[in-house]
């Protein structure tokens, strides 16, 4: 079982191509200025079976998964199971982590097994004093795109543009995915109530 804050199928705002984005619940890093503080607690969110997530992703016709949070590598066993199942279904895997790649490699076997199933790792903590303005998908200049396989080798974040996916739910609330800075998110919040589940690392 995977503890998640949210799953969104069929978005183009969380990486190259049509994707399923999975916000992992729980984060031990808790970067200052994180846009997703509601995902810090490891006791929040919902537990979902990995097989169900993958079945829904395949049914949605996505190219791959984007694992964000929260901190995916705080759930290494469940994350590895998810990434392994994604690979078996022919899906690509992009994972964001507030930990640096070198630190992840020095952790336990579960973490290394998870890493081995990731195609593209975006690493490094969010630094609110070091904003990124030239590359898509990242919030601060220290964060790196580390290609662990060739699947996304042609993706150029410096040439890509950030996208925002806004959806109105049946109950009238608005879900937002993609990258917005805090000021833009506050502007949106003033216009309407929203489910604030944007990437913060």
C-alpha atoms as a PDB file:
ATOM      1  CA  UNK A   1       0.000   0.000   0.000  1.00  0.00           C
ATOM      2  CA  UNK A   2       1.130   3.519  -0.823  1.00  0.00           C
ATOM      3  CA  UNK A   3       0.197   6.542   1.306  1.00  0.00           C
ATOM      4  CA  UNK A   4      -0.693   9.366  -1.046  1.00  0.00           C
ATOM      5  CA  UNK A   5      -2.025  12.871  -0.775  1.00  0.00           C
ATOM      6  CA  UNK A   6      -3.449  12.810  -4.259  1.00  0.00           C
ATOM      7  CA  UNK A   7      -3.362  11.016  -7.630  1.00  0.00           C
ATOM      8  CA  UNK A   8      -4.075  12.807 -10.905  1.00  0.00           C
ATOM      9  CA  UNK A   9      -4.374  10.898 -14.182  1.00  0.00           C
ATOM     10  CA  UNK A  10      -3.937  12.439 -17.616  1.00  0.00           C
ATOM     11  CA  UNK A  11      -2.050  15.644 -16.837  1.00  0.00           C
ATOM     12  CA  UNK A  12       0.511  17.387 -19.053  1.00  0.00           C
ATOM     13  CA  UNK A  13       1.650  19.704 -16.255  1.00  0.00           C
ATOM     14  CA  UNK A  14       3.972  17.312 -14.411  1.00  0.00           C
ATOM     15  CA  UNK A  15       6.613  16.426 -16.978  1.00  0.00           C
ATOM     16  CA  UNK A  16       6.951  15.441 -20.636  1.00  0.00           C
ATOM     17  CA  UNK A  17       3.919  13.862 -22.277  1.00  0.00           C
ATOM     18  CA  UNK A  18       0.650  12.752 -20.747  1.00  0.00           C
ATOM     19  CA  UNK A  19       1.290  11.613 -17.187  1.00  0.00           C
ATOM     20  CA  UNK A  20      -0.149  10.277 -13.969  1.00  0.00           C
ATOM     21  CA  UNK A  21       1.066  12.420 -11.082  1.00  0.00           C
ATOM     22  CA  UNK A  22       1.229  10.893  -7.617  1.00  0.00           C
ATOM     23  CA  UNK A  23       1.742  13.101  -4.577  1.00  0.00           C
ATOM     24  CA  UNK A  24       3.325  10.987  -1.829  1.00  0.00           C
ATOM     25  CA  UNK A  25       2.100  11.792   1.683  1.00  0.00           C
ATOM     26  CA  UNK A  26       4.778  12.576   4.267  1.00  0.00           C
ATOM     27  CA  UNK A  27       8.035  14.512   4.070  1.00  0.00           C
ATOM     28  CA  UNK A  28      10.928  14.434   6.531  1.00  0.00           C
ATOM     29  CA  UNK A  29      12.757  17.320   4.807  1.00  0.00           C
ATOM     30  CA  UNK A  30      10.105  20.044   5.127  1.00  0.00           C
ATOM     31  CA  UNK A  31      11.810  22.708   3.028  1.00  0.00           C
ATOM     32  CA  UNK A  32      11.200  26.298   4.061  1.00  0.00           C
ATOM     33  CA  UNK A  33       8.706  27.865   1.664  1.00  0.00           C
ATOM     34  CA  UNK A  34       7.417  24.504   0.379  1.00  0.00           C
ATOM     35  CA  UNK A  35       4.184  24.948  -1.524  1.00  0.00           C
ATOM     36  CA  UNK A  36       2.823  21.629  -0.188  1.00  0.00           C
ATOM     37  CA  UNK A  37       3.081  21.797   3.620  1.00  0.00           C
ATOM     38  CA  UNK A  38      -0.152  19.806   3.922  1.00  0.00           C
ATOM     39  CA  UNK A  39       1.828  16.810   2.646  1.00  0.00           C
ATOM     40  CA  UNK A  40       4.436  16.953   5.453  1.00  0.00           C
ATOM     41  CA  UNK A  41       2.622  14.667   7.911  1.00  0.00           C
ATOM     42  CA  UNK A  42       3.171  10.942   7.280  1.00  0.00           C
ATOM     43  CA  UNK A  43      -0.203  10.234   8.901  1.00  0.00           C
ATOM     44  CA  UNK A  44      -2.315  12.189   6.421  1.00  0.00           C
ATOM     45  CA  UNK A  45      -3.580  11.252   3.003  1.00  0.00           C
ATOM     46  CA  UNK A  46      -5.003   7.919   1.896  1.00  0.00           C
ATOM     47  CA  UNK A  47      -3.546   4.445   1.486  1.00  0.00           C
ATOM     48  CA  UNK A  48      -3.995   3.033  -2.013  1.00  0.00           C
ATOM     49  CA  UNK A  49      -2.982  -0.296  -3.564  1.00  0.00           C
ATOM     50  CA  UNK A  50      -0.191  -0.048  -6.116  1.00  0.00           C
ATOM     51  CA  UNK A  51      -2.005  -2.289  -8.607  1.00  0.00           C
ATOM     52  CA  UNK A  52      -5.022   0.005  -8.673  1.00  0.00           C
ATOM     53  CA  UNK A  53      -2.902   3.083  -9.367  1.00  0.00           C
ATOM     54  CA  UNK A  54      -1.142   1.344 -12.252  1.00  0.00           C
ATOM     55  CA  UNK A  55      -4.378  -0.044 -13.708  1.00  0.00           C
ATOM     56  CA  UNK A  56      -5.921   3.436 -13.688  1.00  0.00           C
ATOM     57  CA  UNK A  57      -2.784   4.970 -15.223  1.00  0.00           C
ATOM     58  CA  UNK A  58      -2.777   2.449 -18.066  1.00  0.00           C
ATOM     59  CA  UNK A  59      -6.506   3.011 -18.629  1.00  0.00           C
ATOM     60  CA  UNK A  60      -5.847   6.762 -18.842  1.00  0.00           C
ATOM     61  CA  UNK A  61      -3.367   6.184 -21.674  1.00  0.00           C
ATOM     62  CA  UNK A  62      -0.477   7.982 -20.006  1.00  0.00           C
ATOM     63  CA  UNK A  63       3.179   7.782 -21.043  1.00  0.00           C
ATOM     64  CA  UNK A  64       4.451   7.535 -17.505  1.00  0.00           C
ATOM     65  CA  UNK A  65       4.283   8.415 -13.829  1.00  0.00           C
ATOM     66  CA  UNK A  66       5.587  11.480 -12.025  1.00  0.00           C
ATOM     67  CA  UNK A  67       6.273  10.842  -8.339  1.00  0.00           C
ATOM     68  CA  UNK A  68       6.208  13.995  -6.247  1.00  0.00           C
ATOM     69  CA  UNK A  69       5.147  14.987  -2.791  1.00  0.00           C
ATOM     70  CA  UNK A  70       5.767  15.068  -0.029  1.00  0.00           C
ATOM     71  CA  UNK A  71       8.911  12.976  -0.344  1.00  0.00           C
ATOM     72  CA  UNK A  72       8.701   9.784  -2.424  1.00  0.00           C
ATOM     73  CA  UNK A  73      11.875   8.325  -0.918  1.00  0.00           C
ATOM     74  CA  UNK A  74      10.384   8.432   2.575  1.00  0.00           C
ATOM     75  CA  UNK A  75       8.334   5.424   1.363  1.00  0.00           C
ATOM     76  CA  UNK A  76      11.078   3.465  -0.416  1.00  0.00           C
ATOM     77  CA  UNK A  77       9.469   0.018  -0.323  1.00  0.00           C
ATOM     78  CA  UNK A  78       6.084   1.187  -1.581  1.00  0.00           C
ATOM     79  CA  UNK A  79       7.758   3.534  -4.056  1.00  0.00           C
ATOM     80  CA  UNK A  80       9.877   0.699  -5.425  1.00  0.00           C
ATOM     81  CA  UNK A  81       6.793  -1.504  -5.813  1.00  0.00           C
ATOM     82  CA  UNK A  82       5.010   1.285  -7.679  1.00  0.00           C
ATOM     83  CA  UNK A  83       7.947   2.029  -9.980  1.00  0.00           C
ATOM     84  CA  UNK A  84       8.518  -1.681 -10.645  1.00  0.00           C
ATOM     85  CA  UNK A  85       4.869  -2.154 -11.598  1.00  0.00           C
ATOM     86  CA  UNK A  86       5.017   0.943 -13.795  1.00  0.00           C
ATOM     87  CA  UNK A  87       8.047  -0.392 -15.640  1.00  0.00           C
ATOM     88  CA  UNK A  88       6.325  -3.757 -16.129  1.00  0.00           C
ATOM     89  CA  UNK A  89       3.377  -1.910 -17.688  1.00  0.00           C
ATOM     90  CA  UNK A  90       5.672  -0.031 -20.074  1.00  0.00           C
ATOM     91  CA  UNK A  91       5.393   3.287 -18.250  1.00  0.00           C
ATOM     92  CA  UNK A  92       8.228   5.715 -17.629  1.00  0.00           C
ATOM     93  CA  UNK A  93       9.038   6.939 -14.118  1.00  0.00           C
ATOM     94  CA  UNK A  94      10.091  10.448 -13.107  1.00  0.00           C
ATOM     95  CA  UNK A  95      10.718  10.999  -9.397  1.00  0.00           C
ATOM     96  CA  UNK A  96      11.283  14.232  -7.497  1.00  0.00           C
ATOM     97  CA  UNK A  97      13.234  14.170  -4.242  1.00  0.00           C
ATOM     98  CA  UNK A  98      14.410  16.765  -1.771  1.00  0.00           C
ATOM     99  CA  UNK A  99      17.372  14.498  -1.092  1.00  0.00           C
ATOM    100  CA  UNK A 100      20.401  14.688  -3.361  1.00  0.00           C
ATOM    101  CA  UNK A 101      21.172  11.717  -5.590  1.00  0.00           C
ATOM    102  CA  UNK A 102      24.463  10.989  -3.839  1.00  0.00           C
ATOM    103  CA  UNK A 103      22.729  10.809  -0.454  1.00  0.00           C
ATOM    104  CA  UNK A 104      20.037   8.493  -1.804  1.00  0.00           C
ATOM    105  CA  UNK A 105      22.677   6.129  -3.162  1.00  0.00           C
ATOM    106  CA  UNK A 106      24.226   5.887   0.307  1.00  0.00           C
ATOM    107  CA  UNK A 107      20.961   4.973   2.019  1.00  0.00           C
ATOM    108  CA  UNK A 108      19.509   1.505   2.498  1.00  0.00           C
ATOM    109  CA  UNK A 109      18.888  -1.264  -0.001  1.00  0.00           C
ATOM    110  CA  UNK A 110      15.223  -0.301  -0.362  1.00  0.00           C
ATOM    111  CA  UNK A 111      16.161   3.202  -1.473  1.00  0.00           C
ATOM    112  CA  UNK A 112      18.706   1.911  -3.978  1.00  0.00           C
ATOM    113  CA  UNK A 113      16.176  -0.576  -5.337  1.00  0.00           C
ATOM    114  CA  UNK A 114      13.678   2.279  -5.789  1.00  0.00           C
ATOM    115  CA  UNK A 115      16.307   4.394  -7.570  1.00  0.00           C
ATOM    116  CA  UNK A 116      17.042   1.507  -9.923  1.00  0.00           C
ATOM    117  CA  UNK A 117      13.459   1.711 -11.243  1.00  0.00           C
ATOM    118  CA  UNK A 118      13.504   5.482 -11.876  1.00  0.00           C
ATOM    119  CA  UNK A 119      14.206   6.852 -15.356  1.00  0.00           C
ATOM    120  CA  UNK A 120      14.676  10.513 -14.427  1.00  0.00           C
ATOM    121  CA  UNK A 121      15.429  11.836 -10.946  1.00  0.00           C
ATOM    122  CA  UNK A 122      14.974  15.506 -10.112  1.00  0.00           C
ATOM    123  CA  UNK A 123      16.914  15.998  -6.895  1.00  0.00           C
ATOM    124  CA  UNK A 124      17.724  18.567  -4.255  1.00  0.00           C
ATOM    125  CA  UNK A 125      15.814  20.495  -1.590  1.00  0.00           C
ATOM    126  CA  UNK A 126      13.726  23.510  -2.500  1.00  0.00           C
ATOM    127  CA  UNK A 127      15.622  26.719  -1.662  1.00  0.00           C
ATOM    128  CA  UNK A 128      13.299  29.688  -1.384  1.00  0.00           C
ATOM    129  CA  UNK A 129      16.252  32.089  -1.596  1.00  0.00           C
ATOM    130  CA  UNK A 130      17.480  30.577  -4.886  1.00  0.00           C
ATOM    131  CA  UNK A 131      14.542  30.756  -7.343  1.00  0.00           C
ATOM    132  CA  UNK A 132      14.772  29.045 -10.737  1.00  0.00           C
ATOM    133  CA  UNK A 133      13.570  31.112 -13.675  1.00  0.00           C
ATOM    134  CA  UNK A 134      15.022  29.350 -16.721  1.00  0.00           C
ATOM    135  CA  UNK A 135      14.090  25.665 -16.359  1.00  0.00           C
ATOM    136  CA  UNK A 136      10.698  23.983 -16.248  1.00  0.00           C
ATOM    137  CA  UNK A 137       9.467  21.782 -13.387  1.00  0.00           C
ATOM    138  CA  UNK A 138      11.880  22.976 -10.686  1.00  0.00           C
ATOM    139  CA  UNK A 139      11.539  25.735  -8.135  1.00  0.00           C
ATOM    140  CA  UNK A 140      15.141  26.491  -7.236  1.00  0.00           C
ATOM    141  CA  UNK A 141      18.468  26.686  -9.022  1.00  0.00           C
ATOM    142  CA  UNK A 142      20.178  23.881  -7.102  1.00  0.00           C
ATOM    143  CA  UNK A 143      17.817  21.165  -8.303  1.00  0.00           C
ATOM    144  CA  UNK A 144      19.225  18.772 -10.900  1.00  0.00           C
ATOM    145  CA  UNK A 145      17.841  16.549 -13.664  1.00  0.00           C
ATOM    146  CA  UNK A 146      19.661  13.215 -13.397  1.00  0.00           C
ATOM    147  CA  UNK A 147      18.985  10.733 -16.194  1.00  0.00           C
ATOM    148  CA  UNK A 148      19.225   7.214 -14.796  1.00  0.00           C
ATOM    149  CA  UNK A 149      18.109   5.694 -18.116  1.00  0.00           C
ATOM    150  CA  UNK A 150      17.854   7.071 -21.660  1.00  0.00           C
ATOM    151  CA  UNK A 151      14.040   7.214 -21.677  1.00  0.00           C
ATOM    152  CA  UNK A 152      13.857  10.997 -21.171  1.00  0.00           C
ATOM    153  CA  UNK A 153      17.292  11.894 -22.520  1.00  0.00           C
ATOM    154  CA  UNK A 154      15.782  14.284 -25.082  1.00  0.00           C
ATOM    155  CA  UNK A 155      13.840  16.271 -22.490  1.00  0.00           C
ATOM    156  CA  UNK A 156      15.322  19.755 -22.194  1.00  0.00           C
ATOM    157  CA  UNK A 157      13.963  21.628 -19.148  1.00  0.00           C
ATOM    158  CA  UNK A 158      15.621  24.837 -20.287  1.00  0.00           C
ATOM    159  CA  UNK A 159      13.535  24.718 -23.486  1.00  0.00           C
ATOM    160  CA  UNK A 160      10.286  23.471 -21.945  1.00  0.00           C
ATOM    161  CA  UNK A 161       7.608  25.670 -20.433  1.00  0.00           C
ATOM    162  CA  UNK A 162       5.796  25.180 -17.161  1.00  0.00           C
ATOM    163  CA  UNK A 163       2.157  24.218 -17.547  1.00  0.00           C
ATOM    164  CA  UNK A 164      -0.743  24.472 -15.139  1.00  0.00           C
ATOM    165  CA  UNK A 165      -3.606  21.978 -15.079  1.00  0.00           C
ATOM    166  CA  UNK A 166      -6.789  23.431 -13.530  1.00  0.00           C
ATOM    167  CA  UNK A 167      -9.833  21.201 -13.053  1.00  0.00           C
ATOM    168  CA  UNK A 168     -13.217  21.945 -11.529  1.00  0.00           C
ATOM    169  CA  UNK A 169     -14.495  19.075  -9.400  1.00  0.00           C
ATOM    170  CA  UNK A 170     -18.197  18.156  -9.138  1.00  0.00           C
ATOM    171  CA  UNK A 171     -18.373  19.761  -5.684  1.00  0.00           C
ATOM    172  CA  UNK A 172     -17.173  23.069  -7.140  1.00  0.00           C
ATOM    173  CA  UNK A 173     -13.664  23.067  -5.715  1.00  0.00           C
ATOM    174  CA  UNK A 174     -10.760  23.652  -8.058  1.00  0.00           C
ATOM    175  CA  UNK A 175      -7.780  21.323  -8.313  1.00  0.00           C
ATOM    176  CA  UNK A 176      -4.508  22.732  -9.565  1.00  0.00           C
ATOM    177  CA  UNK A 177      -1.476  20.780 -10.763  1.00  0.00           C
ATOM    178  CA  UNK A 178       1.786  21.958 -12.231  1.00  0.00           C
ATOM    179  CA  UNK A 179       4.119  24.659 -11.115  1.00  0.00           C
ATOM    180  CA  UNK A 180       2.920  27.923  -9.616  1.00  0.00           C
ATOM    181  CA  UNK A 181       4.969  30.065  -7.285  1.00  0.00           C
ATOM    182  CA  UNK A 182       3.508  31.057  -3.930  1.00  0.00           C
ATOM    183  CA  UNK A 183       2.392  34.486  -5.125  1.00  0.00           C
ATOM    184  CA  UNK A 184       0.486  33.051  -8.092  1.00  0.00           C
ATOM    185  CA  UNK A 185      -1.094  30.404  -5.884  1.00  0.00           C
ATOM    186  CA  UNK A 186      -2.193  33.061  -3.401  1.00  0.00           C
ATOM    187  CA  UNK A 187      -3.760  35.022  -6.262  1.00  0.00           C
ATOM    188  CA  UNK A 188      -5.687  31.932  -7.315  1.00  0.00           C
ATOM    189  CA  UNK A 189      -6.749  31.280  -3.743  1.00  0.00           C
ATOM    190  CA  UNK A 190      -8.173  34.768  -3.467  1.00  0.00           C
ATOM    191  CA  UNK A 191     -10.325  34.143  -6.524  1.00  0.00           C
ATOM    192  CA  UNK A 192     -11.766  30.844  -5.402  1.00  0.00           C
ATOM    193  CA  UNK A 193     -11.350  28.014  -2.941  1.00  0.00           C
ATOM    194  CA  UNK A 194      -8.838  25.494  -4.266  1.00  0.00           C
ATOM    195  CA  UNK A 195      -7.238  22.200  -3.405  1.00  0.00           C
ATOM    196  CA  UNK A 196      -3.624  23.225  -2.984  1.00  0.00           C
ATOM    197  CA  UNK A 197      -1.669  20.264  -4.211  1.00  0.00           C
ATOM    198  CA  UNK A 198       1.192  21.669  -6.221  1.00  0.00           C
ATOM    199  CA  UNK A 199       4.788  20.501  -6.357  1.00  0.00           C
ATOM    200  CA  UNK A 200       6.977  22.085  -3.720  1.00  0.00           C
ATOM    201  CA  UNK A 201      10.335  20.316  -4.102  1.00  0.00           C
END
